[in-house]
Amino acid sequence: MAKLFGPLFSLNAKGTIANILTFSNRKIVKQVRFQRKQKDKTTAGRTTQRGYFQEAIEKWHTLTDEQQQQWNDFVYDWAD
C-alpha cells in the first residue's frame, strides 16, 4: 500500500467535500478531518432561551431607525 503525503492525492487540497471531509493545510502538516454534524437537542431550557431571543428580535424590529441607531451607538461606545 502506498503512503500518501498530501490529502486527496494533492499537495495543497483544501476545503470541504459533501459537508463531511475537510481538507486543510496546518503550519506543520496537511490534514483531513471528519466533520460530525452536531445534533440539535430540543430541551426545555433551549426552547425557553430561543423564545426569549425570538421575542427580543421582534421587539428590535418595532424600533424606529433612530432608536436602533441610538442603541447601536450606546453598545459600541460601551464596548470600547
N, C-alpha and C. Protein backbone atom coordinates (compact mmCIF):
# COMPACT_ATOMS: atom_id res chain seq x y z
N MET A 1 0.84 -1.18 0.00
CA MET A 1 0.00 0.00 0.00
C MET A 1 0.89 1.24 0.00
N ALA A 2 0.56 2.19 -0.80
CA ALA A 2 1.36 3.41 -0.94
C ALA A 2 1.04 4.38 0.18
N LYS A 3 2.07 5.10 0.61
CA LYS A 3 1.86 6.15 1.60
C LYS A 3 1.48 7.43 0.88
N LEU A 4 0.57 8.17 1.46
CA LEU A 4 0.17 9.45 0.90
C LEU A 4 0.74 10.56 1.75
N PHE A 5 1.31 11.54 1.11
CA PHE A 5 1.88 12.66 1.83
C PHE A 5 0.99 13.89 1.78
N GLY A 6 0.02 13.89 0.93
CA GLY A 6 -0.91 15.02 0.82
C GLY A 6 -2.33 14.51 0.76
N PRO A 7 -3.28 15.28 1.24
CA PRO A 7 -4.66 14.81 1.21
C PRO A 7 -5.23 14.81 -0.20
N LEU A 8 -6.05 13.85 -0.47
CA LEU A 8 -6.76 13.76 -1.74
C LEU A 8 -5.80 13.73 -2.93
N PHE A 9 -4.67 13.04 -2.76
CA PHE A 9 -3.65 12.92 -3.80
C PHE A 9 -3.18 14.29 -4.30
N SER A 10 -3.12 15.26 -3.41
CA SER A 10 -2.78 16.62 -3.78
C SER A 10 -1.86 17.21 -2.74
N LEU A 11 -1.02 18.16 -3.14
CA LEU A 11 -0.14 18.81 -2.19
C LEU A 11 -0.81 19.98 -1.49
N ASN A 12 -1.84 20.53 -2.09
CA ASN A 12 -2.49 21.69 -1.48
C ASN A 12 -4.01 21.63 -1.59
N ALA A 13 -4.58 20.49 -1.25
CA ALA A 13 -6.03 20.38 -1.22
C ALA A 13 -6.56 21.11 0.01
N LYS A 14 -7.65 21.84 -0.16
CA LYS A 14 -8.28 22.50 0.97
C LYS A 14 -9.76 22.68 0.65
N GLY A 15 -10.56 22.70 1.69
CA GLY A 15 -11.99 22.84 1.51
C GLY A 15 -12.73 21.65 2.08
N THR A 16 -14.02 21.59 1.80
CA THR A 16 -14.88 20.55 2.35
C THR A 16 -15.59 19.81 1.23
N ILE A 17 -15.67 18.52 1.37
CA ILE A 17 -16.37 17.69 0.40
C ILE A 17 -17.62 17.12 1.07
N ALA A 18 -18.77 17.37 0.46
CA ALA A 18 -20.05 16.83 0.91
C ALA A 18 -20.34 17.10 2.38
N ASN A 19 -19.84 18.20 2.90
CA ASN A 19 -20.04 18.57 4.31
C ASN A 19 -19.61 17.46 5.26
N ILE A 20 -18.66 16.63 4.83
CA ILE A 20 -18.21 15.52 5.68
C ILE A 20 -16.71 15.59 5.92
N LEU A 21 -15.93 15.68 4.85
CA LEU A 21 -14.47 15.71 4.97
C LEU A 21 -13.95 17.12 4.72
N THR A 22 -13.08 17.58 5.61
CA THR A 22 -12.48 18.89 5.46
C THR A 22 -10.98 18.74 5.31
N PHE A 23 -10.44 19.30 4.26
CA PHE A 23 -9.01 19.27 3.98
C PHE A 23 -8.42 20.62 4.32
N SER A 24 -7.28 20.62 5.03
CA SER A 24 -6.67 21.90 5.39
C SER A 24 -5.16 21.75 5.48
N ASN A 25 -4.48 22.88 5.33
CA ASN A 25 -3.04 22.94 5.49
C ASN A 25 -2.74 23.64 6.81
N ARG A 26 -2.20 22.90 7.75
CA ARG A 26 -1.81 23.47 9.03
C ARG A 26 -0.35 23.92 8.92
N LYS A 27 0.16 24.52 9.97
CA LYS A 27 1.54 25.00 9.92
C LYS A 27 2.53 23.88 9.62
N ILE A 28 2.30 22.73 10.21
CA ILE A 28 3.28 21.64 10.08
C ILE A 28 2.80 20.55 9.13
N VAL A 29 1.52 20.20 9.19
CA VAL A 29 1.03 19.06 8.42
C VAL A 29 -0.20 19.43 7.59
N LYS A 30 -0.45 18.62 6.61
CA LYS A 30 -1.69 18.70 5.86
C LYS A 30 -2.66 17.76 6.56
N GLN A 31 -3.92 18.12 6.63
CA GLN A 31 -4.83 17.40 7.49
C GLN A 31 -6.17 17.15 6.81
N VAL A 32 -6.75 15.99 7.10
CA VAL A 32 -8.10 15.66 6.69
C VAL A 32 -8.88 15.37 7.96
N ARG A 33 -10.00 16.07 8.14
CA ARG A 33 -10.82 15.89 9.34
C ARG A 33 -12.22 15.46 8.93
N PHE A 34 -12.78 14.57 9.72
CA PHE A 34 -14.16 14.14 9.54
C PHE A 34 -15.03 15.10 10.34
N GLN A 35 -15.96 15.77 9.68
CA GLN A 35 -16.83 16.73 10.34
C GLN A 35 -18.11 16.04 10.76
N ARG A 36 -18.26 15.86 12.04
CA ARG A 36 -19.50 15.27 12.55
C ARG A 36 -20.54 16.38 12.70
N LYS A 37 -21.72 16.10 12.28
CA LYS A 37 -22.78 17.08 12.42
C LYS A 37 -23.26 17.08 13.87
N GLN A 38 -23.42 18.27 14.41
CA GLN A 38 -23.91 18.38 15.78
C GLN A 38 -25.41 18.18 15.80
N LYS A 39 -25.85 17.49 16.80
CA LYS A 39 -27.28 17.25 16.93
C LYS A 39 -27.91 18.42 17.67
N ASP A 40 -29.05 18.83 17.20
CA ASP A 40 -29.78 19.92 17.84
C ASP A 40 -30.79 19.30 18.79
N LYS A 41 -30.37 19.13 20.03
CA LYS A 41 -31.26 18.54 21.03
C LYS A 41 -32.29 19.59 21.45
N THR A 42 -33.53 19.21 21.42
CA THR A 42 -34.60 20.11 21.85
C THR A 42 -34.88 19.83 23.32
N THR A 43 -34.43 20.76 24.16
CA THR A 43 -34.69 20.65 25.59
C THR A 43 -35.56 21.82 26.02
N ALA A 44 -36.11 21.71 27.20
CA ALA A 44 -36.97 22.78 27.71
C ALA A 44 -36.18 24.08 27.86
N GLY A 45 -34.96 23.98 28.36
CA GLY A 45 -34.13 25.17 28.54
C GLY A 45 -33.80 25.86 27.23
N ARG A 46 -33.44 25.07 26.22
CA ARG A 46 -33.13 25.65 24.91
C ARG A 46 -34.35 26.28 24.27
N THR A 47 -35.49 25.61 24.40
CA THR A 47 -36.72 26.15 23.83
C THR A 47 -37.08 27.48 24.48
N THR A 48 -36.92 27.56 25.80
CA THR A 48 -37.19 28.80 26.52
C THR A 48 -36.25 29.90 26.07
N GLN A 49 -34.95 29.59 25.98
CA GLN A 49 -33.95 30.58 25.58
C GLN A 49 -34.20 31.06 24.15
N ARG A 50 -34.55 30.16 23.27
CA ARG A 50 -34.85 30.55 21.89
C ARG A 50 -36.08 31.44 21.82
N GLY A 51 -37.05 31.18 22.69
CA GLY A 51 -38.24 32.02 22.75
C GLY A 51 -37.89 33.44 23.18
N TYR A 52 -37.00 33.56 24.20
CA TYR A 52 -36.55 34.89 24.65
C TYR A 52 -35.85 35.63 23.52
N PHE A 53 -34.99 34.91 22.80
CA PHE A 53 -34.24 35.53 21.71
C PHE A 53 -35.18 35.98 20.59
N GLN A 54 -36.16 35.15 20.26
CA GLN A 54 -37.13 35.50 19.21
C GLN A 54 -37.93 36.73 19.62
N GLU A 55 -38.31 36.80 20.90
CA GLU A 55 -39.04 37.96 21.40
C GLU A 55 -38.20 39.23 21.30
N ALA A 56 -36.92 39.12 21.62
CA ALA A 56 -36.02 40.28 21.52
C ALA A 56 -35.90 40.75 20.07
N ILE A 57 -35.82 39.81 19.14
CA ILE A 57 -35.73 40.17 17.72
C ILE A 57 -37.00 40.91 17.28
N GLU A 58 -38.14 40.40 17.69
CA GLU A 58 -39.41 41.05 17.32
C GLU A 58 -39.48 42.47 17.89
N LYS A 59 -39.03 42.65 19.12
CA LYS A 59 -39.03 43.99 19.72
C LYS A 59 -38.05 44.91 19.02
N TRP A 60 -36.92 44.39 18.59
CA TRP A 60 -35.93 45.19 17.86
C TRP A 60 -36.54 45.73 16.57
N HIS A 61 -37.30 44.90 15.89
CA HIS A 61 -37.91 45.31 14.62
C HIS A 61 -39.01 46.35 14.80
N THR A 62 -39.55 46.49 16.02
CA THR A 62 -40.56 47.51 16.26
C THR A 62 -39.94 48.88 16.50
N LEU A 63 -38.64 48.94 16.76
CA LEU A 63 -37.97 50.22 17.00
C LEU A 63 -37.83 50.99 15.69
N THR A 64 -37.81 52.32 15.79
CA THR A 64 -37.55 53.14 14.60
C THR A 64 -36.06 53.09 14.28
N ASP A 65 -35.70 53.56 13.10
CA ASP A 65 -34.29 53.58 12.70
C ASP A 65 -33.46 54.43 13.67
N GLU A 66 -34.03 55.54 14.13
CA GLU A 66 -33.31 56.42 15.06
C GLU A 66 -33.07 55.72 16.40
N GLN A 67 -34.08 55.00 16.89
CA GLN A 67 -33.93 54.27 18.15
C GLN A 67 -32.89 53.16 18.02
N GLN A 68 -32.90 52.46 16.89
CA GLN A 68 -31.90 51.41 16.67
C GLN A 68 -30.50 52.00 16.61
N GLN A 69 -30.36 53.16 15.96
CA GLN A 69 -29.05 53.80 15.86
C GLN A 69 -28.56 54.26 17.23
N GLN A 70 -29.47 54.81 18.05
CA GLN A 70 -29.09 55.22 19.41
C GLN A 70 -28.60 54.01 20.21
N TRP A 71 -29.30 52.91 20.09
CA TRP A 71 -28.90 51.70 20.81
C TRP A 71 -27.54 51.20 20.33
N ASN A 72 -27.34 51.18 19.00
CA ASN A 72 -26.05 50.74 18.45
C ASN A 72 -24.91 51.65 18.91
N ASP A 73 -25.15 52.96 18.92
CA ASP A 73 -24.12 53.90 19.38
C ASP A 73 -23.77 53.62 20.84
N PHE A 74 -24.79 53.39 21.67
CA PHE A 74 -24.56 53.10 23.09
C PHE A 74 -23.74 51.82 23.25
N VAL A 75 -24.12 50.77 22.55
CA VAL A 75 -23.43 49.47 22.70
C VAL A 75 -21.99 49.57 22.22
N TYR A 76 -21.75 50.22 21.07
CA TYR A 76 -20.39 50.29 20.55
C TYR A 76 -19.52 51.21 21.39
N ASP A 77 -20.10 52.28 21.96
CA ASP A 77 -19.33 53.15 22.86
C ASP A 77 -18.98 52.41 24.14
N TRP A 78 -19.91 51.59 24.63
CA TRP A 78 -19.70 50.85 25.85
C TRP A 78 -18.63 49.77 25.66
N ALA A 79 -18.57 49.17 24.47
CA ALA A 79 -17.62 48.09 24.20
C ALA A 79 -16.19 48.62 24.09
N ASP A 80 -16.01 49.89 23.76
CA ASP A 80 -14.64 50.43 23.62
C ASP A 80 -14.01 50.63 24.91
